């Protein structure tokens, strides 16, 4: 039996590509930037499997261009880059890579929280510019993190890890999620709150919700005005959760103290975006899960699920299991 043809949209860390090469006829896009959509449509024309990244838009036009496609393995926790209904309609199984990045992403979210609270990036620039003349009792005063209130929006795997870390700082923990988590409430002594109460009472707000029609611009002008003027906002989920025009106004006019973003809308952020002029904003290029170990595990999980499905074994993390019928060769 001929080995299945698969296409991978970027070079991957770890041994995922070796794994695929041993089991499939594999082609890899070797560019540093995402493969252009028109070229990807050409590449998938005869492929049965596709391993894609969150930077790849998997829409109906692409799926139409790949009539032999049976499996799309998305190397990401989320799948807002995929038209799942279109994939399901065409019998294409979609998988994702949840769980593997929760601890690493929470580490980075807490890094942003601490750095924004204590003005770390500002301090680094202050020294490099030669502005450090002496120790000063009011130089770069920040905000304490211990013994404050954190509001966690979204209590999935990453939200849970944020709660775990917050306990180490003696923080009062509020959370908002689609469903209450009584076991986690007990474990981390945290309380469920409405989104408005969470925003109003928290010193730090950290976003870990999926991007949906309901959560797009969840943090808008109204939400920002509910926050404390000393509040810090952190987003490591998806950029469109935040209305960035409103965030600029909030940071520029002092509605809130600071923000730390690992995700933006759009990505990458244009170099002339007004947010980049603000001293009280930290921005990273979507690297919350970017540790060697985690990205390697993500890549391998994506590769393994692709092979499993092509071999007729139902993957654990199928987004649309109703499309499973007929996936076996």
Protein backbone atom coordinates (compact mmCIF):
# COMPACT_ATOMS: atom_id res chain seq x y z
CA UNK A 1 0.00 0.00 0.00
CA UNK A 2 1.35 3.42 -1.00
CA UNK A 3 2.28 5.72 1.84
CA UNK A 4 -0.05 8.70 2.31
CA UNK A 5 1.02 12.07 0.95
CA UNK A 6 1.21 14.84 3.56
CA UNK A 7 2.17 18.48 3.46
CA UNK A 8 3.69 20.40 6.37
CA UNK A 9 3.43 24.19 6.27
CA UNK A 10 6.66 25.01 8.16
CA UNK A 11 9.83 23.41 9.42
CA UNK A 12 9.17 22.01 12.90
CA UNK A 13 11.32 21.65 16.03
CA UNK A 14 12.27 18.31 17.51
CA UNK A 15 11.85 15.02 15.71
CA UNK A 16 8.35 15.43 14.29
CA UNK A 17 9.54 15.68 10.69
CA UNK A 18 11.66 12.55 11.05
CA UNK A 19 8.62 10.76 12.43
CA UNK A 20 6.50 11.82 9.46
CA UNK A 21 9.20 11.05 6.90
CA UNK A 22 9.38 7.46 8.16
CA UNK A 23 5.65 6.97 7.66
CA UNK A 24 4.49 9.27 4.88
CA UNK A 25 5.47 10.85 1.60
CA UNK A 26 6.16 14.27 3.10
CA UNK A 27 6.75 17.71 1.64
CA UNK A 28 7.67 20.68 3.85
CA UNK A 29 7.42 24.40 3.12
CA UNK A 30 10.94 25.69 3.74
CA UNK A 31 10.18 29.39 3.96
CA UNK A 32 10.48 31.40 7.16
CA UNK A 33 7.16 33.14 6.52
CA UNK A 34 3.85 31.29 6.08
CA UNK A 35 3.25 29.73 2.70
CA UNK A 36 1.06 32.00 0.53
CA UNK A 37 -2.52 30.78 0.26
CA UNK A 38 -2.38 30.27 -3.52
CA UNK A 39 0.73 28.11 -3.22
CA UNK A 40 -0.76 26.08 -0.39
CA UNK A 41 -3.78 25.33 -2.54
CA UNK A 42 -1.44 23.93 -5.19
CA UNK A 43 0.49 21.86 -2.66
CA UNK A 44 -2.56 20.18 -1.11
CA UNK A 45 -4.07 19.18 -4.45
CA UNK A 46 -2.93 15.55 -4.11
CA UNK A 47 -2.40 15.31 -0.36
CA UNK A 48 -4.33 13.17 2.09
CA UNK A 49 -2.95 14.91 5.16
CA UNK A 50 -2.02 18.47 6.08
CA UNK A 51 -0.11 19.62 9.15
CA UNK A 52 -0.82 23.32 9.52
CA UNK A 53 -0.08 26.14 11.95
CA UNK A 54 -2.30 28.85 13.40
CA UNK A 55 -0.84 31.23 10.78
CA UNK A 56 -2.42 29.15 7.99
CA UNK A 57 -5.98 30.00 7.01
CA UNK A 58 -7.79 26.74 6.31
CA UNK A 59 -10.95 27.83 4.50
CA UNK A 60 -13.41 26.30 2.08
CA UNK A 61 -11.33 27.42 -0.91
CA UNK A 62 -8.31 25.52 0.37
CA UNK A 63 -10.38 22.45 1.21
CA UNK A 64 -11.86 22.52 -2.28
CA UNK A 65 -8.34 22.58 -3.72
CA UNK A 66 -7.50 19.39 -1.81
CA UNK A 67 -10.20 16.87 -2.71
CA UNK A 68 -8.10 13.99 -1.37
CA UNK A 69 -7.61 15.58 2.06
CA UNK A 70 -8.78 13.38 4.90
CA UNK A 71 -7.01 14.88 7.89
CA UNK A 72 -5.93 18.35 8.98
CA UNK A 73 -3.65 18.37 12.01
CA UNK A 74 -3.52 21.89 13.46
CA UNK A 75 -0.43 22.51 15.58
CA UNK A 76 -2.19 24.77 18.07
CA UNK A 77 -4.49 24.61 21.05
CA UNK A 78 -7.06 26.77 19.31
CA UNK A 79 -8.50 26.31 15.85
CA UNK A 80 -9.97 29.71 14.96
CA UNK A 81 -7.82 29.60 11.79
CA UNK A 82 -9.88 26.66 10.52
CA UNK A 83 -13.33 26.69 8.94
CA UNK A 84 -14.43 23.63 10.89
CA UNK A 85 -17.96 23.41 9.43
CA UNK A 86 -16.50 23.41 5.92
CA UNK A 87 -14.01 20.71 6.89
CA UNK A 88 -16.75 18.60 8.45
CA UNK A 89 -18.95 18.99 5.39
CA UNK A 90 -16.12 17.68 3.24
CA UNK A 91 -15.32 14.83 5.62
CA UNK A 92 -11.96 16.26 6.70
CA UNK A 93 -11.06 15.41 10.30
CA UNK A 94 -9.50 18.32 12.22
CA UNK A 95 -7.20 17.72 15.20
CA UNK A 96 -5.42 20.08 17.59
CA UNK A 97 -2.71 19.99 20.26
CA UNK A 98 -4.20 20.95 23.65
CA UNK A 99 -2.74 20.52 27.11
CA UNK A 100 0.89 20.24 26.10
CA UNK A 101 1.52 23.98 26.33
CA UNK A 102 -0.50 24.90 29.43
CA UNK A 103 2.39 25.12 31.90
CA UNK A 104 4.74 26.89 29.51
CA UNK A 105 2.14 29.44 28.45
CA UNK A 106 1.16 30.10 32.07
CA UNK A 107 4.83 30.68 32.91
CA UNK A 108 5.03 33.28 30.17
CA UNK A 109 1.73 34.92 31.09
CA UNK A 110 2.97 35.31 34.63
CA UNK A 111 6.25 36.66 33.27
CA UNK A 112 4.33 39.37 31.42
CA UNK A 113 2.27 40.06 34.54
CA UNK A 114 5.35 40.51 36.72
CA UNK A 115 7.28 42.49 34.12
CA UNK A 116 4.38 44.89 33.51
CA UNK A 117 3.68 45.31 37.22
CA UNK A 118 7.31 46.08 38.08
CA UNK A 119 8.02 48.04 34.86
CA UNK A 120 10.89 45.75 33.95
CA UNK A 121 11.08 46.63 30.26
CA UNK A 122 10.95 50.33 31.05
CA UNK A 123 13.77 49.85 33.54
CA UNK A 124 15.92 48.04 30.99
CA UNK A 125 15.45 50.85 28.47
CA UNK A 126 16.11 53.44 31.18
CA UNK A 127 19.52 51.94 31.88
CA UNK A 128 20.44 51.43 28.22
CA UNK A 129 19.60 55.06 27.41
CA UNK A 130 21.99 56.27 30.09
CA UNK A 131 19.20 57.74 32.22
CA UNK A 132 20.26 55.91 35.41
CA UNK A 133 22.08 58.60 37.36
CA UNK A 134 21.45 57.47 40.94
CA UNK A 135 19.24 55.39 43.19
CA UNK A 136 15.98 57.26 43.65
CA UNK A 137 13.14 56.64 46.11
CA UNK A 138 10.56 57.32 43.41
CA UNK A 139 12.35 55.91 40.38
CA UNK A 140 10.20 53.56 38.27
CA UNK A 141 7.75 52.73 41.04
CA UNK A 142 5.67 49.70 40.12
CA UNK A 143 2.95 47.62 41.73
CA UNK A 144 3.21 44.64 44.08
CA UNK A 145 1.91 41.30 42.89
CA UNK A 146 1.77 39.41 46.18
CA UNK A 147 -1.37 39.78 48.29
CA UNK A 148 -3.39 41.27 45.41
CA UNK A 149 -6.36 40.03 43.35
CA UNK A 150 -5.97 38.26 40.03
CA UNK A 151 -8.88 37.79 37.63
CA UNK A 152 -8.54 34.83 35.28
CA UNK A 153 -10.81 34.89 32.23
CA UNK A 154 -11.13 31.33 30.96
CA UNK A 155 -10.51 28.34 33.20
CA UNK A 156 -9.16 25.76 30.80
CA UNK A 157 -5.73 24.19 31.10
CA UNK A 158 -3.80 27.46 31.00
CA UNK A 159 -6.21 29.23 33.33
CA UNK A 160 -5.82 26.41 35.81
CA UNK A 161 -2.04 26.73 35.68
CA UNK A 162 -2.35 30.47 36.25
CA UNK A 163 -4.41 29.79 39.37
CA UNK A 164 -1.73 27.41 40.59
CA UNK A 165 0.95 30.06 40.15
CA UNK A 166 -1.16 32.78 41.74
CA UNK A 167 -1.46 30.76 44.94
CA UNK A 168 2.31 30.98 45.33
CA UNK A 169 2.03 34.76 45.42
CA UNK A 170 -0.74 34.69 48.01
CA UNK A 171 -3.18 36.21 45.56
CA UNK A 172 -6.93 36.27 45.88
CA UNK A 173 -8.19 34.47 42.77
CA UNK A 174 -11.34 35.34 40.84
CA UNK A 175 -12.24 33.58 37.62
CA UNK A 176 -14.85 33.65 34.89
CA UNK A 177 -15.52 30.74 32.57
CA UNK A 178 -18.32 29.23 30.53
CA UNK A 179 -18.78 26.65 33.26
CA UNK A 180 -18.00 26.77 36.95
CA UNK A 181 -15.20 24.53 38.21
CA UNK A 182 -16.13 23.54 41.78
CA UNK A 183 -13.16 21.20 42.20
CA UNK A 184 -10.71 23.90 41.15
CA UNK A 185 -12.48 26.47 43.32
CA UNK A 186 -11.77 24.26 46.30
CA UNK A 187 -8.23 23.36 45.28
CA UNK A 188 -7.09 26.94 44.70
CA UNK A 189 -9.48 28.76 47.05
CA UNK A 190 -10.78 30.77 44.14
CA UNK A 191 -14.19 32.30 43.48
CA UNK A 192 -16.36 32.45 40.39
CA UNK A 193 -17.30 36.01 39.40
CA UNK A 194 -19.27 37.70 36.66
CA UNK A 195 -17.04 39.30 34.07
CA UNK A 196 -17.99 42.78 35.29
CA UNK A 197 -17.20 41.98 38.92
CA UNK A 198 -13.94 40.34 37.92
CA UNK A 199 -12.85 43.38 35.93
CA UNK A 200 -13.81 45.81 38.68
CA UNK A 201 -12.20 43.93 41.56
CA UNK A 202 -8.98 42.55 40.04
CA UNK A 203 -5.55 44.12 40.19
CA UNK A 204 -4.40 41.83 37.39
CA UNK A 205 -6.62 40.51 34.58
CA UNK A 206 -5.25 37.67 32.47
CA UNK A 207 -7.04 36.34 29.39
CA UNK A 208 -7.16 32.62 28.58
CA UNK A 209 -10.47 32.30 26.74
CA UNK A 210 -10.90 30.92 23.22
CA UNK A 211 -11.70 33.32 20.39
CA UNK A 212 -15.37 33.05 19.45
CA UNK A 213 -18.04 35.42 18.19
CA UNK A 214 -18.97 35.95 21.84
CA UNK A 215 -15.44 36.71 23.08
CA UNK A 216 -14.25 38.92 20.22
CA UNK A 217 -13.49 42.34 21.73
CA UNK A 218 -14.45 41.05 25.14
CA UNK A 219 -12.10 43.72 26.47
CA UNK A 220 -13.54 46.85 24.91
CA UNK A 221 -13.89 50.45 26.06
CA UNK A 222 -16.63 49.57 28.52
CA UNK A 223 -14.61 46.71 30.01
CA UNK A 224 -11.47 48.81 30.33
CA UNK A 225 -13.36 51.56 32.12
CA UNK A 226 -14.57 49.00 34.67
CA UNK A 227 -10.97 48.20 35.64
CA UNK A 228 -8.97 49.89 38.37
CA UNK A 229 -6.60 52.66 37.30
CA UNK A 230 -3.82 50.53 38.82
CA UNK A 231 -4.88 47.36 36.93
CA UNK A 232 -2.61 45.39 34.62
CA UNK A 233 -4.07 43.49 31.63
CA UNK A 234 -2.33 40.41 30.22
CA UNK A 235 -3.33 38.61 27.02
CA UNK A 236 -1.67 35.39 25.87
CA UNK A 237 -4.81 33.92 24.27
CA UNK A 238 -5.86 35.55 20.99
CA UNK A 239 -5.38 39.15 19.89
CA UNK A 240 -8.99 39.90 18.89
CA UNK A 241 -10.15 39.34 22.47
CA UNK A 242 -9.00 42.92 23.00
CA UNK A 243 -10.19 46.03 21.17
CA UNK A 244 -6.74 47.51 20.60
CA UNK A 245 -7.98 51.02 19.79
CA UNK A 246 -9.72 51.10 23.15
CA UNK A 247 -6.61 49.64 24.82
CA UNK A 248 -4.45 52.41 23.38
CA UNK A 249 -6.81 55.00 24.79
CA UNK A 250 -6.93 53.24 28.15
CA UNK A 251 -3.14 53.07 28.48
CA UNK A 252 -2.52 56.52 27.07
CA UNK A 253 -5.10 58.21 29.30
CA UNK A 254 -4.45 56.19 32.44
CA UNK A 255 -7.67 54.18 32.68
CA UNK A 256 -5.40 51.24 33.56
CA UNK A 257 -1.74 51.14 34.58
CA UNK A 258 -0.17 48.73 32.11
CA UNK A 259 -0.63 45.79 29.77
CA UNK A 260 1.38 42.82 28.57
CA UNK A 261 0.46 41.25 25.21
CA UNK A 262 1.79 38.13 23.57
CA UNK A 263 -0.92 38.23 20.91
CA UNK A 264 -2.20 41.11 18.80
CA UNK A 265 -4.75 41.89 16.10
CA UNK A 266 -3.43 41.61 13.45
CA UNK A 267 -0.29 39.51 13.75
CA UNK A 268 2.33 40.65 13.20
CA UNK A 269 1.57 44.11 14.57
CA UNK A 270 2.41 46.87 12.06
CA UNK A 271 5.50 48.82 13.16
CA UNK A 272 3.54 52.09 13.01
CA UNK A 273 0.79 50.89 15.37
CA UNK A 274 0.22 53.59 18.01
CA UNK A 275 0.37 50.99 20.78
CA UNK A 276 4.09 50.66 20.11
CA UNK A 277 4.62 54.26 21.21
CA UNK A 278 3.45 53.56 24.77
CA UNK A 279 5.92 53.06 27.60
CA UNK A 280 3.41 51.12 29.74
CA UNK A 281 2.88 48.30 27.26
CA UNK A 282 4.97 45.15 26.76
CA UNK A 283 4.50 43.24 23.50
CA UNK A 284 5.98 39.87 22.58
CA UNK A 285 5.68 38.13 19.16
CA UNK A 286 3.34 35.27 20.14
CA UNK A 287 5.99 33.25 21.97
CA UNK A 288 4.15 32.13 25.12
CA UNK A 289 4.57 28.46 24.21
CA UNK A 290 8.03 28.95 22.71
CA UNK A 291 10.20 26.71 24.80
CA UNK A 292 12.26 24.02 23.08
CA UNK A 293 10.54 21.22 24.99
CA UNK A 294 6.98 22.47 24.54
CA UNK A 295 7.17 23.35 20.86
CA UNK A 296 8.84 19.99 20.18
CA UNK A 297 6.04 18.18 22.01
CA UNK A 298 3.40 20.18 20.13
CA UNK A 299 4.99 19.29 16.80
CA UNK A 300 5.22 15.61 17.69
CA UNK A 301 1.62 15.52 18.92
CA UNK A 302 0.46 17.10 15.67
CA UNK A 303 2.50 14.60 13.65
CA UNK A 304 1.30 11.60 15.65
CA UNK A 305 -2.36 12.56 15.34
CA UNK A 306 -1.97 13.05 11.61
CA UNK A 307 -0.49 9.58 11.23
CA UNK A 308 -3.03 8.00 13.57
CA UNK A 309 -5.94 9.32 11.57
CA UNK A 310 -4.42 8.38 8.23
CA UNK A 311 -3.84 4.86 9.60
CA UNK A 312 -7.48 4.59 10.62
CA UNK A 313 -6.99 5.15 14.37
CA UNK A 314 -9.20 7.85 15.85
CA UNK A 315 -7.06 10.64 17.36
CA UNK A 316 -7.73 11.75 20.92
CA UNK A 317 -7.98 15.45 20.15
CA UNK A 318 -10.39 15.57 17.22
CA UNK A 319 -12.21 18.89 16.89
CA UNK A 320 -14.96 17.47 14.68
CA UNK A 321 -15.26 13.76 15.54
CA UNK A 322 -18.42 13.58 13.43
CA UNK A 323 -16.12 13.76 10.40
CA UNK A 324 -14.31 10.59 11.49
CA UNK A 325 -16.36 8.17 9.37
CA UNK A 326 -14.37 6.99 6.41
CA UNK A 327 -10.99 8.26 7.52
CA UNK A 328 -9.36 4.82 7.44
CA UNK A 329 -7.58 3.94 4.21
